[in-house]
């Protein structure tokens, strides 16, 4: 039963990672590090190129590390199959969710994925911060 739960946790982490990959940016298809004049984005972020570039870099690094980690832990066929299915699901959602809510959803999903793949990391961060 433990193997099933471990595998299910990896599949959920892959779902979260794929949704972060597709939802971060919410289908805006913006260039890396740039926010065009999108109506629901606060005006000060239109000129905050360095902050946006830093967040984009963090999310790109997160997706790369998570995908590499999940690929090394999962069956290759299952990884490719679920990645494709979850990518299509994420792409369908991108055009239904606005940019700002999708950013916060991406943060929550990223935290969930990290918790599922590396269970000790959140507790270590809390202890280090406290």
N, C-alpha and C. Protein backbone atom coordinates (compact mmCIF):
# COMPACT_ATOMS: atom_id res chain seq x y z
N UNK A 1 0.82 -1.19 0.00
CA UNK A 1 0.00 0.00 0.00
C UNK A 1 0.87 1.26 0.00
N UNK A 2 2.01 1.21 0.66
CA UNK A 2 2.89 2.35 0.72
C UNK A 2 3.44 2.72 -0.67
N UNK A 3 3.72 1.69 -1.48
CA UNK A 3 4.20 1.95 -2.83
C UNK A 3 3.13 2.68 -3.65
N UNK A 4 1.87 2.27 -3.47
CA UNK A 4 0.78 2.94 -4.18
C UNK A 4 0.68 4.40 -3.76
N UNK A 5 0.78 4.67 -2.47
CA UNK A 5 0.70 6.05 -1.98
C UNK A 5 1.88 6.88 -2.47
N UNK A 6 3.06 6.28 -2.50
CA UNK A 6 4.23 6.99 -3.02
C UNK A 6 4.05 7.34 -4.49
N UNK A 7 3.57 6.38 -5.27
CA UNK A 7 3.34 6.61 -6.70
C UNK A 7 2.24 7.65 -6.90
N UNK A 8 1.16 7.55 -6.15
CA UNK A 8 0.08 8.53 -6.26
C UNK A 8 0.58 9.93 -5.89
N UNK A 9 1.44 10.02 -4.88
CA UNK A 9 2.02 11.30 -4.51
C UNK A 9 2.87 11.89 -5.63
N UNK A 10 3.63 11.05 -6.32
CA UNK A 10 4.43 11.51 -7.45
C UNK A 10 3.56 11.98 -8.60
N UNK A 11 2.46 11.28 -8.85
CA UNK A 11 1.55 11.69 -9.93
C UNK A 11 0.89 13.02 -9.59
N UNK A 12 0.49 13.20 -8.34
CA UNK A 12 -0.09 14.48 -7.91
C UNK A 12 0.96 15.59 -7.99
N UNK A 13 2.19 15.29 -7.61
CA UNK A 13 3.26 16.29 -7.73
C UNK A 13 3.50 16.65 -9.19
N UNK A 14 3.41 15.67 -10.09
CA UNK A 14 3.55 15.96 -11.52
C UNK A 14 2.39 16.83 -12.00
N UNK A 15 1.19 16.54 -11.53
CA UNK A 15 0.04 17.38 -11.87
C UNK A 15 0.27 18.81 -11.41
N UNK A 16 0.71 18.97 -10.18
CA UNK A 16 0.97 20.31 -9.65
C UNK A 16 2.04 21.03 -10.47
N UNK A 17 3.11 20.32 -10.80
CA UNK A 17 4.20 20.93 -11.56
C UNK A 17 3.74 21.33 -12.96
N UNK A 18 2.98 20.47 -13.61
CA UNK A 18 2.47 20.81 -14.94
C UNK A 18 1.51 21.99 -14.87
N UNK A 19 0.69 22.05 -13.83
CA UNK A 19 -0.22 23.20 -13.69
C UNK A 19 0.56 24.48 -13.40
N UNK A 20 1.62 24.39 -12.63
CA UNK A 20 2.47 25.57 -12.41
C UNK A 20 3.07 26.00 -13.74
N UNK A 21 3.54 25.04 -14.51
CA UNK A 21 4.14 25.33 -15.82
C UNK A 21 3.16 26.04 -16.74
N UNK A 22 1.91 25.60 -16.74
CA UNK A 22 0.94 26.18 -17.65
C UNK A 22 0.22 27.39 -17.07
N UNK A 23 -0.06 27.38 -15.77
CA UNK A 23 -0.82 28.48 -15.18
C UNK A 23 0.02 29.72 -14.90
N UNK A 24 1.30 29.54 -14.63
CA UNK A 24 2.13 30.71 -14.36
C UNK A 24 2.21 31.53 -15.64
N UNK A 25 1.55 32.65 -15.64
CA UNK A 25 1.46 33.47 -16.83
C UNK A 25 0.08 33.42 -17.45
N UNK A 26 -0.72 32.44 -17.04
CA UNK A 26 -2.14 32.32 -17.40
C UNK A 26 -2.42 32.50 -18.87
N UNK A 27 -1.63 31.86 -19.70
CA UNK A 27 -1.94 31.88 -21.12
C UNK A 27 -1.67 33.20 -21.81
N UNK A 28 -1.00 34.12 -21.11
CA UNK A 28 -0.74 35.43 -21.69
C UNK A 28 0.28 35.32 -22.80
N UNK A 29 1.14 34.31 -22.73
CA UNK A 29 2.20 34.11 -23.72
C UNK A 29 3.12 35.31 -23.79
N UNK A 30 3.48 35.78 -22.63
CA UNK A 30 4.36 36.94 -22.58
C UNK A 30 5.80 36.50 -22.71
N UNK A 31 6.66 37.39 -23.19
CA UNK A 31 8.10 37.04 -23.22
C UNK A 31 8.64 36.92 -21.80
N UNK A 32 9.70 36.18 -21.66
CA UNK A 32 10.31 35.96 -20.36
C UNK A 32 10.72 37.31 -19.75
N UNK A 33 10.27 37.57 -18.53
CA UNK A 33 10.67 38.78 -17.82
C UNK A 33 9.94 40.03 -18.23
N UNK A 34 8.80 39.93 -18.90
CA UNK A 34 8.11 41.13 -19.36
C UNK A 34 6.61 40.98 -19.18
N UNK A 35 5.96 42.00 -18.64
CA UNK A 35 4.51 42.02 -18.55
C UNK A 35 3.98 43.12 -19.45
N UNK A 36 3.28 42.75 -20.49
CA UNK A 36 2.68 43.79 -21.32
C UNK A 36 1.56 44.47 -20.53
N UNK A 37 0.92 45.41 -21.11
CA UNK A 37 -0.13 46.15 -20.42
C UNK A 37 -1.41 45.32 -20.33
N UNK A 38 -1.37 44.40 -19.37
CA UNK A 38 -2.51 43.51 -19.12
C UNK A 38 -3.41 44.21 -18.11
N UNK A 39 -4.71 44.31 -18.39
CA UNK A 39 -5.59 45.10 -17.53
C UNK A 39 -5.66 44.67 -16.07
N UNK A 40 -5.59 43.38 -15.76
CA UNK A 40 -5.74 42.97 -14.36
C UNK A 40 -4.43 42.93 -13.59
N UNK A 41 -3.34 43.36 -14.20
CA UNK A 41 -2.06 43.44 -13.51
C UNK A 41 -1.90 44.86 -12.97
N UNK A 42 -1.49 44.99 -11.69
CA UNK A 42 -1.28 46.33 -11.14
C UNK A 42 -0.31 47.14 -12.00
N UNK A 43 -0.56 48.43 -12.10
CA UNK A 43 0.21 49.32 -12.96
C UNK A 43 1.70 49.33 -12.63
N UNK A 44 2.06 49.22 -11.35
CA UNK A 44 3.48 49.27 -10.98
C UNK A 44 4.25 48.05 -11.50
N UNK A 45 3.56 46.94 -11.78
CA UNK A 45 4.26 45.77 -12.32
C UNK A 45 4.58 45.91 -13.80
N UNK A 46 3.93 46.85 -14.48
CA UNK A 46 4.23 47.05 -15.89
C UNK A 46 5.68 47.48 -16.08
N UNK A 47 6.21 48.20 -15.08
CA UNK A 47 7.59 48.70 -15.19
C UNK A 47 8.57 47.92 -14.31
N UNK A 48 8.12 46.92 -13.60
CA UNK A 48 8.96 46.16 -12.67
C UNK A 48 9.65 45.00 -13.38
N UNK A 49 10.44 45.31 -14.36
CA UNK A 49 11.07 44.28 -15.19
C UNK A 49 11.98 43.36 -14.38
N UNK A 50 12.77 43.90 -13.47
CA UNK A 50 13.71 43.07 -12.70
C UNK A 50 12.97 42.11 -11.76
N UNK A 51 11.92 42.59 -11.10
CA UNK A 51 11.16 41.73 -10.20
C UNK A 51 10.46 40.61 -10.98
N UNK A 52 9.89 40.97 -12.11
CA UNK A 52 9.20 39.97 -12.94
C UNK A 52 10.21 38.97 -13.48
N UNK A 53 11.38 39.44 -13.88
CA UNK A 53 12.43 38.55 -14.38
C UNK A 53 12.89 37.58 -13.27
N UNK A 54 13.01 38.08 -12.04
CA UNK A 54 13.41 37.23 -10.93
C UNK A 54 12.36 36.15 -10.66
N UNK A 55 11.09 36.53 -10.64
CA UNK A 55 10.02 35.55 -10.42
C UNK A 55 9.96 34.54 -11.56
N UNK A 56 10.10 35.00 -12.77
CA UNK A 56 10.11 34.09 -13.92
C UNK A 56 11.26 33.10 -13.82
N UNK A 57 12.41 33.57 -13.39
CA UNK A 57 13.58 32.69 -13.25
C UNK A 57 13.35 31.64 -12.16
N UNK A 58 12.76 32.05 -11.04
CA UNK A 58 12.48 31.12 -9.95
C UNK A 58 11.50 30.05 -10.42
N UNK A 59 10.44 30.45 -11.10
CA UNK A 59 9.46 29.47 -11.58
C UNK A 59 10.07 28.55 -12.64
N UNK A 60 10.90 29.08 -13.52
CA UNK A 60 11.54 28.23 -14.53
C UNK A 60 12.48 27.22 -13.86
N UNK A 61 13.23 27.66 -12.87
CA UNK A 61 14.11 26.76 -12.13
C UNK A 61 13.31 25.71 -11.38
N UNK A 62 12.21 26.13 -10.75
CA UNK A 62 11.35 25.19 -10.04
C UNK A 62 10.84 24.09 -10.98
N UNK A 63 10.31 24.49 -12.13
CA UNK A 63 9.75 23.51 -13.07
C UNK A 63 10.86 22.57 -13.56
N UNK A 64 12.03 23.10 -13.87
CA UNK A 64 13.13 22.27 -14.35
C UNK A 64 13.55 21.25 -13.29
N UNK A 65 13.76 21.70 -12.05
CA UNK A 65 14.21 20.80 -10.98
C UNK A 65 13.14 19.76 -10.66
N UNK A 66 11.89 20.18 -10.60
CA UNK A 66 10.81 19.23 -10.29
C UNK A 66 10.66 18.19 -11.40
N UNK A 67 10.70 18.63 -12.65
CA UNK A 67 10.56 17.67 -13.75
C UNK A 67 11.71 16.68 -13.76
N UNK A 68 12.91 17.17 -13.53
CA UNK A 68 14.07 16.29 -13.47
C UNK A 68 13.94 15.29 -12.32
N UNK A 69 13.51 15.76 -11.17
CA UNK A 69 13.34 14.89 -10.01
C UNK A 69 12.23 13.87 -10.24
N UNK A 70 11.11 14.32 -10.78
CA UNK A 70 10.00 13.40 -11.03
C UNK A 70 10.35 12.39 -12.11
N UNK A 71 11.06 12.81 -13.14
CA UNK A 71 11.47 11.90 -14.20
C UNK A 71 12.38 10.80 -13.65
N UNK A 72 13.26 11.16 -12.70
CA UNK A 72 14.18 10.16 -12.15
C UNK A 72 13.47 9.20 -11.19
N UNK A 73 12.33 9.59 -10.66
CA UNK A 73 11.62 8.73 -9.69
C UNK A 73 10.48 7.93 -10.30
N UNK A 74 9.98 8.34 -11.47
CA UNK A 74 8.81 7.69 -12.05
C UNK A 74 9.20 6.80 -13.22
N UNK A 75 8.29 5.90 -13.55
CA UNK A 75 8.40 5.10 -14.76
C UNK A 75 8.37 6.06 -15.95
N UNK A 76 9.22 5.84 -16.94
CA UNK A 76 9.31 6.74 -18.08
C UNK A 76 8.01 6.89 -18.85
N UNK A 77 7.32 5.77 -19.10
CA UNK A 77 6.06 5.84 -19.83
C UNK A 77 5.02 6.61 -19.03
N UNK A 78 4.91 6.34 -17.73
CA UNK A 78 3.94 7.04 -16.88
C UNK A 78 4.25 8.53 -16.84
N UNK A 79 5.52 8.87 -16.75
CA UNK A 79 5.90 10.28 -16.71
C UNK A 79 5.47 10.99 -17.99
N UNK A 80 5.76 10.41 -19.14
CA UNK A 80 5.41 11.03 -20.42
C UNK A 80 3.89 11.10 -20.60
N UNK A 81 3.19 10.01 -20.27
CA UNK A 81 1.75 9.98 -20.42
C UNK A 81 1.07 11.04 -19.54
N UNK A 82 1.39 11.02 -18.25
CA UNK A 82 0.75 11.96 -17.33
C UNK A 82 1.18 13.40 -17.62
N UNK A 83 2.41 13.61 -18.04
CA UNK A 83 2.85 14.96 -18.40
C UNK A 83 2.01 15.51 -19.54
N UNK A 84 1.77 14.68 -20.54
CA UNK A 84 0.96 15.11 -21.67
C UNK A 84 -0.48 15.41 -21.27
N UNK A 85 -1.07 14.51 -20.51
CA UNK A 85 -2.46 14.69 -20.08
C UNK A 85 -2.59 15.95 -19.22
N UNK A 86 -1.68 16.12 -18.26
CA UNK A 86 -1.76 17.27 -17.37
C UNK A 86 -1.43 18.58 -18.09
N UNK A 87 -0.59 18.52 -19.11
CA UNK A 87 -0.30 19.72 -19.89
C UNK A 87 -1.55 20.19 -20.64
N UNK A 88 -2.26 19.24 -21.24
CA UNK A 88 -3.50 19.59 -21.94
C UNK A 88 -4.52 20.17 -20.97
N UNK A 89 -4.64 19.58 -19.79
CA UNK A 89 -5.54 20.11 -18.76
C UNK A 89 -5.15 21.53 -18.37
N UNK A 90 -3.87 21.75 -18.15
CA UNK A 90 -3.38 23.08 -17.78
C UNK A 90 -3.62 24.10 -18.88
N UNK A 91 -3.39 23.70 -20.12
CA UNK A 91 -3.62 24.61 -21.24
C UNK A 91 -5.09 25.01 -21.33
N UNK A 92 -5.97 24.07 -21.05
CA UNK A 92 -7.41 24.38 -21.08
C UNK A 92 -7.77 25.36 -19.97
N UNK A 93 -7.12 25.22 -18.82
CA UNK A 93 -7.41 26.11 -17.69
C UNK A 93 -6.80 27.50 -17.85
N UNK A 94 -5.72 27.61 -18.60
CA UNK A 94 -5.01 28.89 -18.70
C UNK A 94 -5.89 30.00 -19.25
N UNK A 95 -6.77 29.67 -20.13
CA UNK A 95 -7.59 30.71 -20.73
C UNK A 95 -8.86 30.99 -19.93
N UNK A 96 -9.05 30.27 -18.85
CA UNK A 96 -10.22 30.48 -17.99
C UNK A 96 -9.88 31.21 -16.69
N UNK A 97 -8.60 31.25 -16.36
CA UNK A 97 -8.16 31.87 -15.11
C UNK A 97 -7.35 33.11 -15.45
N UNK A 98 -7.62 34.20 -14.75
CA UNK A 98 -6.90 35.44 -15.00
C UNK A 98 -5.48 35.37 -14.44
N UNK A 99 -4.66 36.33 -14.81
CA UNK A 99 -3.23 36.30 -14.51
C UNK A 99 -2.92 36.31 -13.01
N UNK A 100 -3.50 37.23 -12.27
CA UNK A 100 -3.15 37.35 -10.84
C UNK A 100 -3.60 36.12 -10.05
N UNK A 101 -4.86 35.64 -10.19
CA UNK A 101 -5.22 34.42 -9.47
C UNK A 101 -4.38 33.21 -9.88
N UNK A 102 -3.99 33.14 -11.15
CA UNK A 102 -3.18 32.01 -11.58
C UNK A 102 -1.79 32.05 -10.96
N UNK A 103 -1.27 33.25 -10.71
CA UNK A 103 0.03 33.36 -10.05
C UNK A 103 -0.04 32.78 -8.64
N UNK A 104 -1.09 33.16 -7.89
CA UNK A 104 -1.21 32.65 -6.52
C UNK A 104 -1.53 31.16 -6.50
N UNK A 105 -2.30 30.69 -7.47
CA UNK A 105 -2.55 29.25 -7.59
C UNK A 105 -1.24 28.52 -7.87
N UNK A 106 -0.38 29.11 -8.69
CA UNK A 106 0.92 28.51 -8.99
C UNK A 106 1.79 28.40 -7.74
N UNK A 107 1.74 29.42 -6.89
CA UNK A 107 2.50 29.37 -5.63
C UNK A 107 2.03 28.22 -4.74
N UNK A 108 0.72 28.07 -4.60
CA UNK A 108 0.17 27.01 -3.76
C UNK A 108 0.50 25.64 -4.35
N UNK A 109 0.34 25.49 -5.65
CA UNK A 109 0.65 24.21 -6.29
C UNK A 109 2.13 23.88 -6.20
N UNK A 110 2.99 24.87 -6.31
CA UNK A 110 4.43 24.64 -6.17
C UNK A 110 4.76 24.15 -4.76
N UNK A 111 4.15 24.77 -3.76
CA UNK A 111 4.38 24.34 -2.37
C UNK A 111 3.89 22.91 -2.16
N UNK A 112 2.74 22.58 -2.72
CA UNK A 112 2.23 21.21 -2.60
C UNK A 112 3.14 20.21 -3.28
N UNK A 113 3.63 20.54 -4.46
CA UNK A 113 4.53 19.63 -5.18
C UNK A 113 5.82 19.39 -4.40
N UNK A 114 6.39 20.46 -3.85
CA UNK A 114 7.62 20.31 -3.05
C UNK A 114 7.36 19.45 -1.83
N UNK A 115 6.21 19.65 -1.18
CA UNK A 115 5.86 18.85 0.00
C UNK A 115 5.70 17.38 -0.35
N UNK A 116 5.15 17.07 -1.51
CA UNK A 116 4.95 15.68 -1.90
C UNK A 116 6.25 15.00 -2.32
N UNK A 117 7.13 15.73 -2.98
CA UNK A 117 8.37 15.11 -3.47
C UNK A 117 9.45 15.07 -2.39
N UNK A 118 9.57 16.16 -1.65
CA UNK A 118 10.56 16.24 -0.57
C UNK A 118 9.84 16.59 0.73
N UNK A 119 9.29 15.62 1.44
CA UNK A 119 8.46 15.90 2.62
C UNK A 119 9.15 16.68 3.73
N UNK A 120 10.45 16.58 3.88
CA UNK A 120 11.13 17.26 4.96
C UNK A 120 11.47 18.72 4.70
N UNK A 121 11.39 19.15 3.46
CA UNK A 121 11.80 20.51 3.10
C UNK A 121 10.95 21.59 3.78
N UNK A 122 9.61 21.53 3.75
CA UNK A 122 8.83 22.59 4.41
C UNK A 122 9.11 22.68 5.91
N UNK A 123 9.26 21.56 6.57
CA UNK A 123 9.53 21.59 8.02
C UNK A 123 10.91 22.21 8.29
N UNK A 124 11.88 21.90 7.45
CA UNK A 124 13.21 22.47 7.59
C UNK A 124 13.18 23.98 7.40
N UNK A 125 12.41 24.45 6.42
CA UNK A 125 12.30 25.90 6.19
C UNK A 125 11.61 26.62 7.34
N UNK A 126 10.59 25.97 7.91
CA UNK A 126 9.89 26.59 9.03
C UNK A 126 10.80 26.68 10.25
N UNK A 127 11.54 25.61 10.51
CA UNK A 127 12.47 25.63 11.65
C UNK A 127 13.57 26.67 11.42
N UNK A 128 14.08 26.77 10.21
CA UNK A 128 15.14 27.74 9.91
C UNK A 128 14.63 29.17 10.03
N UNK A 129 13.39 29.42 9.64
CA UNK A 129 12.83 30.77 9.70
C UNK A 129 12.47 31.16 11.12
N UNK A 130 12.12 30.18 11.95
CA UNK A 130 11.67 30.47 13.32
C UNK A 130 12.81 30.58 14.23
